[in-house]
Amino acid sequence: MLETVSWEHQGDSAAALWLSANDRRAPAKFVVADDRLTADAAMRLATGGTAMVWTGDFHNAKQLLAAMERRITAASTAKAGRAKTKKKVLDDGQKFYAVRQARAQRARMLSLILVAVDFSAEDGMAHLDLPRAPAIGPAVAFGYEQAVHLAGQRALVSLQELSGMLSAHQWYLKGVEVPALGASIHPAYGTFMPTRQEYVQLVATAELDDLSLAFDIGTGTGVLAAVLARRGVKQIIGTDIHQRAVDCANENFQRLGLDGTASAQLTSMFPEGRAPLVVCNPPWLPGSAPSTLDAAVYDPDSKMLMQFLRGLPDHLTANGEGWLIISDLAELLGLRSRALLLEAIEAAGLEVAGRIDTVPTHHRAQKDDDALHAARSKEVTSLWRLRAK
């Protein structure tokens, strides 16, 4: 049930449903804004937690967001400069938390520019009644699961979130090229986009002994299951706790002509039975995941990682292997130790049969102006080959 929010405009009351794909809470305070609103005034309102319902030109609203972002970035840079002047030295873990905090603050402030989306009573498609507004219907249907029930209604959405959804929809239509597949994967909104190729390449090149069956835990877009199918594994069962990911994976399998070989199902962790190969690429960083987008990167208290390790022995056939694909970035940032990982493997009744390492090739690993560059430049991504004792 979506929450209804209301605000005043020129002496009249207005109301709409609050719609957020990322489970962001509705603001408590609203004002109506248009092209006369300056970036400085918008910053003051956002700092105080007041949301701005935009009624002006769409492109002007986008420019306002960009101007606010520049001010937030400048303030963050100035704060870092003051800390440096005071010779306050942060370790990598402290830098990580500072970066997360700054990003959360930035996202909160930028999310307070809102637009009203109307859903057609005839076909349920969404549109924006703003000058120079783009067509948003397909992107809204793509990203907002609740949209299917909103025909004939109005909803308030964050312009920042809507812009991200328009971009994500384009990525979905275009697809992300995966060299190991010789094809593209089409990511659903909220699933991890396979733009980092090193972890995919590990699965594409690790030695395979048994091609009869594999499980892919936390399948997401289905990219690793598809790679295994391309390598000749006869049946792959992917699992995920999110229906959106399950649908995305099955759609990708169909696009790739693999729907007779690979399938995804909605379940927590393991499917029924045992397999000679069980693959898992959990979120790499311990940390809170307040939204579905965050859940692709952050694993609160390493819960998924530990659950996978504990359950793995009961889902491997005799001499079967579990492939854990994970980065050591959490270790480099001091968020989780190598000793903790090894102890968890031991406690689960597993042993390490081997490990394949690679280094990241994504652009952030080479950016020396990144706040976490010292850690990212040393990052190693590994495929751990685990067997039951």
Protein backbone atom coordinates (compact mmCIF):
# COMPACT_ATOMS: atom_id res chain seq x y z
CA MET A 1 0.00 0.00 0.00
CA LEU A 2 1.59 3.26 -1.12
CA GLU A 3 1.59 6.25 1.20
CA THR A 4 -0.35 9.36 0.17
CA VAL A 5 1.45 12.68 0.62
CA SER A 6 -0.03 16.17 0.36
CA TRP A 7 1.14 19.75 -0.06
CA GLU A 8 -0.21 23.25 -0.55
CA HIS A 9 -0.02 25.15 -3.85
CA GLN A 10 -1.48 28.64 -4.33
CA GLY A 11 -3.91 28.13 -1.49
CA ASP A 12 -5.13 24.75 -2.72
CA SER A 13 -4.29 21.28 -1.43
CA ALA A 14 -2.68 18.73 -3.71
CA ALA A 15 -2.02 15.06 -3.08
CA ALA A 16 -0.29 12.10 -4.72
CA LEU A 17 1.02 8.65 -3.92
CA TRP A 18 4.65 8.44 -2.80
CA LEU A 19 6.60 6.19 -5.17
CA SER A 20 10.20 5.07 -4.65
CA ALA A 21 11.93 2.13 -6.30
CA ASN A 22 14.67 2.31 -3.67
CA ASP A 23 12.40 2.33 -0.60
CA ARG A 24 13.29 5.91 0.29
CA ARG A 25 10.91 7.36 2.87
CA ALA A 26 8.56 10.18 1.87
CA PRO A 27 9.67 13.67 2.93
CA ALA A 28 7.76 15.36 5.73
CA LYS A 29 7.85 18.91 4.31
CA PHE A 30 7.02 20.16 0.81
CA VAL A 31 7.11 23.37 -1.15
CA VAL A 32 6.22 23.98 -4.78
CA ALA A 33 9.14 25.13 -6.97
CA ASP A 34 9.62 26.28 -10.54
CA ASP A 35 12.22 27.86 -12.84
CA ARG A 36 12.66 30.82 -10.48
CA LEU A 37 14.24 28.65 -7.77
CA THR A 38 18.00 29.20 -7.50
CA ALA A 39 20.49 26.47 -6.68
CA ASP A 40 21.47 28.25 -3.45
CA ALA A 41 17.83 28.43 -2.34
CA ALA A 42 17.34 24.77 -3.27
CA MET A 43 20.40 23.86 -1.18
CA ARG A 44 18.96 25.67 1.83
CA LEU A 45 15.64 23.87 1.47
CA ALA A 46 17.30 20.48 0.98
CA THR A 47 19.59 21.02 3.97
CA GLY A 48 16.48 21.52 6.07
CA GLY A 49 14.86 18.37 4.67
CA THR A 50 12.23 20.21 2.61
CA ALA A 51 11.22 18.57 -0.66
CA MET A 52 10.55 20.68 -3.75
CA VAL A 53 7.68 19.66 -6.03
CA TRP A 54 8.83 20.87 -9.43
CA THR A 55 6.33 22.51 -11.76
CA GLY A 56 8.75 24.21 -14.19
CA ASP A 57 10.74 23.16 -17.25
CA PHE A 58 12.12 19.60 -17.08
CA HIS A 59 15.59 20.49 -18.38
CA ASN A 60 15.83 23.38 -15.96
CA ALA A 61 15.15 20.92 -13.16
CA LYS A 62 17.99 18.71 -14.43
CA GLN A 63 20.29 21.74 -14.51
CA LEU A 64 19.26 22.61 -10.96
CA LEU A 65 20.19 19.09 -9.83
CA ALA A 66 23.58 19.43 -11.52
CA ALA A 67 24.18 22.81 -9.85
CA MET A 68 23.28 21.36 -6.45
CA GLU A 69 25.63 18.45 -7.03
CA ARG A 70 28.49 20.82 -7.84
CA ARG A 71 27.88 22.69 -4.60
CA ILE A 72 27.77 19.48 -2.57
CA THR A 73 31.01 18.28 -4.18
CA ALA A 74 32.69 21.63 -3.52
CA ALA A 75 31.62 21.55 0.12
CA SER A 76 32.90 17.99 0.51
CA THR A 77 36.23 18.91 -1.09
CA ALA A 78 36.57 21.93 1.18
CA LYS A 79 35.84 19.76 4.24
CA ALA A 80 38.53 17.29 3.17
CA GLY A 81 40.94 20.18 2.67
CA ARG A 82 40.29 21.48 6.17
CA ALA A 83 40.90 18.01 7.63
CA LYS A 84 44.16 17.77 5.68
CA THR A 85 45.25 21.19 6.96
CA LYS A 86 44.65 19.97 10.50
CA LYS A 87 46.76 16.91 9.57
CA LYS A 88 43.94 14.57 10.50
CA VAL A 89 45.01 11.25 8.98
CA LEU A 90 42.29 8.73 8.21
CA ASP A 91 42.98 5.06 7.60
CA ASP A 92 41.33 3.34 4.64
CA GLY A 93 38.42 2.06 6.72
CA GLN A 94 37.67 5.53 8.05
CA LYS A 95 37.90 6.91 4.51
CA PHE A 96 35.43 4.28 3.34
CA TYR A 97 32.88 5.22 5.99
CA ALA A 98 33.43 8.92 5.29
CA VAL A 99 32.85 8.32 1.57
CA ARG A 100 29.67 6.32 2.28
CA GLN A 101 28.40 9.02 4.63
CA ALA A 102 29.09 11.76 2.08
CA ARG A 103 27.38 9.79 -0.68
CA ALA A 104 24.34 9.15 1.50
CA GLN A 105 24.10 12.85 2.34
CA ARG A 106 24.48 13.79 -1.31
CA ALA A 107 21.80 11.29 -2.37
CA ARG A 108 19.43 12.49 0.35
CA MET A 109 19.71 16.13 -0.68
CA LEU A 110 19.47 15.49 -4.42
CA SER A 111 16.45 13.23 -3.91
CA LEU A 112 14.39 16.19 -2.68
CA ILE A 113 13.64 17.57 -6.14
CA LEU A 114 10.35 15.82 -6.94
CA VAL A 115 8.14 15.55 -10.02
CA ALA A 116 4.53 14.47 -10.31
CA VAL A 117 3.99 11.48 -12.59
CA ASP A 118 0.53 10.84 -14.03
CA PHE A 119 -0.52 7.32 -15.03
CA SER A 120 -2.96 7.07 -17.92
CA ALA A 121 -6.35 5.59 -17.04
CA GLU A 122 -6.43 3.89 -20.46
CA ASP A 123 -3.14 2.05 -20.68
CA GLY A 124 -1.48 2.77 -17.32
CA MET A 125 1.57 4.38 -18.95
CA ALA A 126 3.30 7.17 -17.05
CA HIS A 127 3.95 10.67 -18.34
CA LEU A 128 5.24 13.99 -17.06
CA ASP A 129 3.16 17.11 -17.60
CA LEU A 130 6.19 19.44 -17.68
CA PRO A 131 7.65 21.54 -20.51
CA ARG A 132 10.34 19.63 -22.47
CA ALA A 133 9.75 16.46 -20.46
CA PRO A 134 10.89 13.23 -22.17
CA ALA A 135 8.73 10.16 -22.67
CA ILE A 136 9.06 8.19 -19.42
CA GLY A 137 6.40 5.48 -19.77
CA PRO A 138 8.63 2.49 -20.70
CA ALA A 139 11.33 3.43 -18.15
CA VAL A 140 8.80 3.81 -15.31
CA ALA A 141 7.20 0.46 -16.18
CA PHE A 142 10.72 -1.03 -16.27
CA GLY A 143 11.86 0.30 -12.90
CA TYR A 144 8.83 0.70 -10.65
CA GLU A 145 7.23 -2.62 -9.83
CA GLN A 146 4.21 -0.84 -8.33
CA ALA A 147 3.50 1.03 -11.59
CA VAL A 148 1.32 -1.77 -12.92
CA HIS A 149 -1.33 -0.91 -10.29
CA LEU A 150 -1.39 2.88 -10.71
CA ALA A 151 -3.56 3.45 -13.80
CA GLY A 152 -5.48 6.69 -13.46
CA GLN A 153 -3.47 7.91 -10.47
CA ARG A 154 -0.73 10.45 -9.74
CA ALA A 155 2.51 9.77 -7.90
CA LEU A 156 5.42 11.86 -6.66
CA VAL A 157 8.90 10.57 -7.50
CA SER A 158 12.42 11.82 -6.99
CA LEU A 159 13.77 13.39 -10.17
CA GLN A 160 17.19 11.98 -9.33
CA GLU A 161 15.76 8.46 -9.08
CA LEU A 162 13.71 8.91 -12.25
CA SER A 163 16.80 10.12 -14.14
CA GLY A 164 18.73 7.07 -12.96
CA MET A 165 15.87 4.87 -14.10
CA LEU A 166 15.83 6.45 -17.57
CA SER A 167 19.58 5.71 -17.82
CA ALA A 168 19.17 2.17 -16.48
CA HIS A 169 16.41 1.52 -19.01
CA GLN A 170 18.76 2.53 -21.82
CA TRP A 171 21.41 0.12 -20.48
CA TYR A 172 18.74 -2.58 -20.40
CA LEU A 173 17.75 -1.93 -24.00
CA LYS A 174 21.35 -1.69 -25.21
CA GLY A 175 22.77 -4.45 -23.04
CA VAL A 176 26.21 -4.80 -21.45
CA GLU A 177 28.73 -6.61 -23.61
CA VAL A 178 30.34 -9.60 -21.89
CA PRO A 179 33.41 -10.80 -23.83
CA ALA A 180 33.37 -14.18 -22.08
CA LEU A 181 29.91 -14.77 -23.58
CA GLY A 182 30.50 -13.15 -26.93
CA ALA A 183 27.13 -11.51 -26.30
CA SER A 184 25.38 -8.94 -24.14
CA ILE A 185 23.58 -9.21 -20.82
CA HIS A 186 20.53 -6.99 -20.27
CA PRO A 187 20.36 -5.92 -16.58
CA ALA A 188 17.09 -5.24 -14.82
CA TYR A 189 16.83 -2.23 -12.56
CA GLY A 190 18.41 -3.07 -9.20
CA THR A 191 20.51 -5.99 -10.44
CA PHE A 192 24.30 -5.75 -10.43
CA MET A 193 25.48 -4.58 -13.84
CA PRO A 194 28.31 -6.86 -15.11
CA THR A 195 30.64 -4.05 -16.16
CA ARG A 196 33.52 -5.45 -14.08
CA GLN A 197 34.76 -8.26 -16.26
CA GLU A 198 37.50 -9.76 -14.10
CA TYR A 199 35.17 -11.86 -11.93
CA VAL A 200 33.32 -13.13 -15.01
CA GLN A 201 36.61 -14.06 -16.64
CA LEU A 202 37.60 -16.12 -13.60
CA VAL A 203 34.50 -18.29 -14.03
CA ALA A 204 35.13 -18.45 -17.78
CA THR A 205 38.66 -19.85 -17.37
CA ALA A 206 38.72 -21.92 -14.13
CA GLU A 207 39.18 -25.65 -14.68
CA LEU A 208 35.90 -27.55 -14.95
CA ASP A 209 35.83 -31.28 -14.15
CA ASP A 210 32.13 -32.16 -14.13
CA LEU A 211 29.77 -30.64 -16.70
CA SER A 212 26.56 -32.30 -15.54
CA LEU A 213 25.05 -29.70 -13.17
CA ALA A 214 25.86 -26.41 -11.47
CA PHE A 215 24.10 -24.09 -9.01
CA ASP A 216 24.59 -20.29 -9.25
CA ILE A 217 23.70 -18.73 -5.89
CA GLY A 218 22.57 -15.10 -6.05
CA THR A 219 22.39 -15.26 -9.83
CA GLY A 220 21.39 -11.59 -10.41
CA THR A 221 21.43 -11.03 -14.17
CA GLY A 222 22.37 -14.69 -14.71
CA VAL A 223 25.74 -13.77 -16.24
CA LEU A 224 27.77 -16.46 -14.43
CA ALA A 225 25.18 -19.15 -15.14
CA ALA A 226 25.26 -18.14 -18.82
CA VAL A 227 29.08 -18.37 -18.87
CA LEU A 228 28.91 -21.88 -17.40
CA ALA A 229 26.32 -22.86 -20.02
CA ARG A 230 28.59 -21.55 -22.78
CA ARG A 231 31.37 -23.71 -21.31
CA GLY A 232 29.27 -26.82 -21.73
CA VAL A 233 27.62 -27.35 -18.36
CA LYS A 234 24.46 -29.25 -19.23
CA GLN A 235 22.17 -27.81 -16.55
CA ILE A 236 22.51 -24.70 -14.40
CA ILE A 237 20.05 -23.64 -11.71
CA GLY A 238 20.35 -20.05 -10.55
CA THR A 239 18.74 -18.74 -7.38
CA ASP A 240 17.97 -15.29 -6.06
CA ILE A 241 15.86 -13.77 -3.29
CA HIS A 242 14.57 -11.00 -5.57
CA GLN A 243 11.84 -11.77 -8.13
CA ARG A 244 13.14 -8.96 -10.35
CA ALA A 245 16.53 -10.71 -10.57
CA VAL A 246 14.95 -14.10 -11.26
CA ASP A 247 12.89 -12.64 -14.10
CA CYS A 248 15.94 -10.80 -15.43
CA ALA A 249 18.11 -13.94 -15.43
CA ASN A 250 15.46 -16.06 -17.15
CA GLU A 251 14.95 -13.35 -19.77
CA ASN A 252 18.70 -13.25 -20.42
CA PHE A 253 18.83 -17.04 -20.74
CA GLN A 254 16.05 -16.85 -23.31
CA ARG A 255 17.79 -14.07 -25.25
CA LEU A 256 20.97 -16.16 -25.34
CA GLY A 257 19.17 -19.32 -26.39
CA LEU A 258 20.05 -21.00 -23.10
CA ASP A 259 16.59 -21.37 -21.60
CA GLY A 260 16.75 -25.14 -22.12
CA THR A 261 20.00 -25.29 -20.15
CA ALA A 262 19.87 -22.51 -17.53
CA SER A 263 16.97 -21.43 -15.34
CA ALA A 264 16.52 -19.22 -12.29
CA GLN A 265 14.20 -19.67 -9.35
CA LEU A 266 13.11 -17.57 -6.40
CA THR A 267 14.60 -19.02 -3.23
CA SER A 268 16.96 -18.16 -0.42
CA MET A 269 20.43 -19.50 -1.22
CA PHE A 270 20.44 -23.12 -2.41
CA PRO A 271 17.99 -25.04 -4.58
CA GLU A 272 17.02 -28.60 -3.64
CA GLY A 273 19.63 -31.31 -4.04
CA ARG A 274 23.37 -31.40 -4.60
CA ALA A 275 25.60 -30.41 -7.49
CA PRO A 276 29.23 -31.05 -8.46
CA LEU A 277 29.69 -27.28 -8.85
CA VAL A 278 28.15 -24.51 -6.75
CA VAL A 279 29.11 -20.93 -7.64
CA CYS A 280 28.52 -17.80 -5.57
CA ASN A 281 29.56 -14.20 -6.16
CA PRO A 282 28.19 -12.46 -3.03
CA PRO A 283 28.26 -8.71 -2.47
CA TRP A 284 31.89 -7.94 -1.68
CA LEU A 285 31.62 -5.34 1.07
CA PRO A 286 30.14 -5.73 4.56
CA GLY A 287 27.78 -2.87 5.24
CA SER A 288 24.16 -1.79 5.41
CA ALA A 289 22.08 -2.05 2.26
CA PRO A 290 19.19 0.41 2.60
CA SER A 291 18.06 -0.06 -1.02
CA THR A 292 17.94 -2.78 -3.67
CA LEU A 293 20.75 -1.02 -5.52
CA ASP A 294 22.92 -1.11 -2.38
CA ALA A 295 22.13 -4.81 -1.87
CA ALA A 296 24.07 -5.63 -5.04
CA VAL A 297 27.25 -4.25 -3.43
CA TYR A 298 26.82 -4.49 0.35
CA ASP A 299 26.30 -7.61 2.45
CA PRO A 300 25.24 -6.62 6.02
CA ASP A 301 27.56 -8.37 8.50
CA SER A 302 28.75 -10.62 5.63
CA LYS A 303 25.48 -12.53 6.12
CA MET A 304 25.18 -13.95 2.60
CA LEU A 305 28.85 -14.94 2.51
CA MET A 306 28.61 -16.80 5.82
CA GLN A 307 25.29 -18.43 4.90
CA PHE A 308 26.79 -19.69 1.65
CA LEU A 309 29.82 -21.18 3.39
CA ARG A 310 27.75 -22.87 6.12
CA GLY A 311 25.30 -24.43 3.67
CA LEU A 312 27.77 -25.40 0.95
CA PRO A 313 28.84 -28.86 2.24
CA ASP A 314 25.21 -30.06 2.26
CA HIS A 315 24.76 -29.10 -1.40
CA LEU A 316 27.93 -30.54 -2.93
CA THR A 317 28.17 -34.01 -4.39
CA ALA A 318 31.14 -36.20 -3.45
CA ASN A 319 34.30 -34.46 -4.74
CA GLY A 320 32.21 -31.45 -5.75
CA GLU A 321 33.53 -27.89 -5.60
CA GLY A 322 32.19 -24.58 -4.45
CA TRP A 323 33.51 -21.53 -6.26
CA LEU A 324 33.48 -18.42 -4.10
CA ILE A 325 34.22 -15.34 -6.22
CA ILE A 326 35.10 -12.39 -4.04
CA SER A 327 37.38 -9.35 -3.88
CA ASP A 328 39.77 -8.62 -1.02
CA LEU A 329 38.74 -4.95 -1.01
CA ALA A 330 36.89 -5.48 2.29
CA GLU A 331 40.15 -6.75 3.80
CA LEU A 332 42.16 -3.84 2.42
CA LEU A 333 39.64 -1.42 3.94
CA GLY A 334 39.72 -3.19 7.29
CA LEU A 335 36.06 -4.18 7.06
CA ARG A 336 36.71 -7.93 7.21
CA SER A 337 39.94 -9.84 7.83
CA ARG A 338 41.41 -12.70 5.82
CA ALA A 339 41.60 -14.63 9.09
CA LEU A 340 37.82 -14.28 9.54
CA LEU A 341 37.21 -15.64 6.05
CA LEU A 342 39.55 -18.59 6.58
CA GLU A 343 38.02 -19.33 9.98
CA ALA A 344 34.52 -19.32 8.43
CA ILE A 345 35.68 -21.74 5.72
CA GLU A 346 37.17 -24.03 8.38
CA ALA A 347 34.12 -23.81 10.65
CA ALA A 348 31.83 -24.79 7.76
CA GLY A 349 33.76 -28.03 7.28
CA LEU A 350 35.39 -26.86 4.07
CA GLU A 351 38.94 -26.78 2.81
CA VAL A 352 40.62 -24.65 0.17
CA ALA A 353 41.50 -26.79 -2.85
CA GLY A 354 42.98 -23.85 -4.75
CA ARG A 355 42.61 -20.20 -5.59
CA ILE A 356 42.83 -18.18 -8.80
CA ASP A 357 43.60 -14.48 -8.51
CA THR A 358 43.23 -11.58 -10.88
CA VAL A 359 43.42 -7.80 -10.65
CA PRO A 360 40.61 -5.38 -11.50
CA THR A 361 40.63 -3.51 -14.78
CA HIS A 362 37.80 -1.07 -14.08
CA HIS A 363 38.57 2.66 -14.28
CA ARG A 364 38.27 3.37 -10.56
CA ALA A 365 41.28 1.15 -9.83
CA GLN A 366 43.42 3.53 -11.90
CA LYS A 367 41.99 6.84 -10.60
CA ASP A 368 44.58 8.25 -8.22
CA ASP A 369 42.20 11.04 -7.17
CA ASP A 370 39.73 8.47 -5.78
CA ALA A 371 39.52 8.72 -1.98
CA LEU A 372 39.98 4.94 -1.76
CA HIS A 373 42.70 4.71 -4.41
CA ALA A 374 45.32 3.31 -2.00
CA ALA A 375 43.10 0.28 -1.35
CA ARG A 376 41.63 -0.05 -4.84
CA SER A 377 45.08 -0.04 -6.46
CA LYS A 378 45.99 -3.17 -4.45
CA GLU A 379 42.68 -4.99 -4.90
CA VAL A 380 42.71 -8.65 -5.93
CA THR A 381 39.65 -10.61 -7.05
CA SER A 382 39.81 -14.33 -6.33
CA LEU A 383 37.99 -17.53 -7.19
CA TRP A 384 38.30 -19.77 -4.13
CA ARG A 385 37.90 -23.49 -4.89
CA LEU A 386 36.28 -25.03 -1.83
CA ARG A 387 35.61 -28.68 -1.05
CA ALA A 388 33.94 -30.45 1.85
CA LYS A 389 36.41 -32.16 4.15
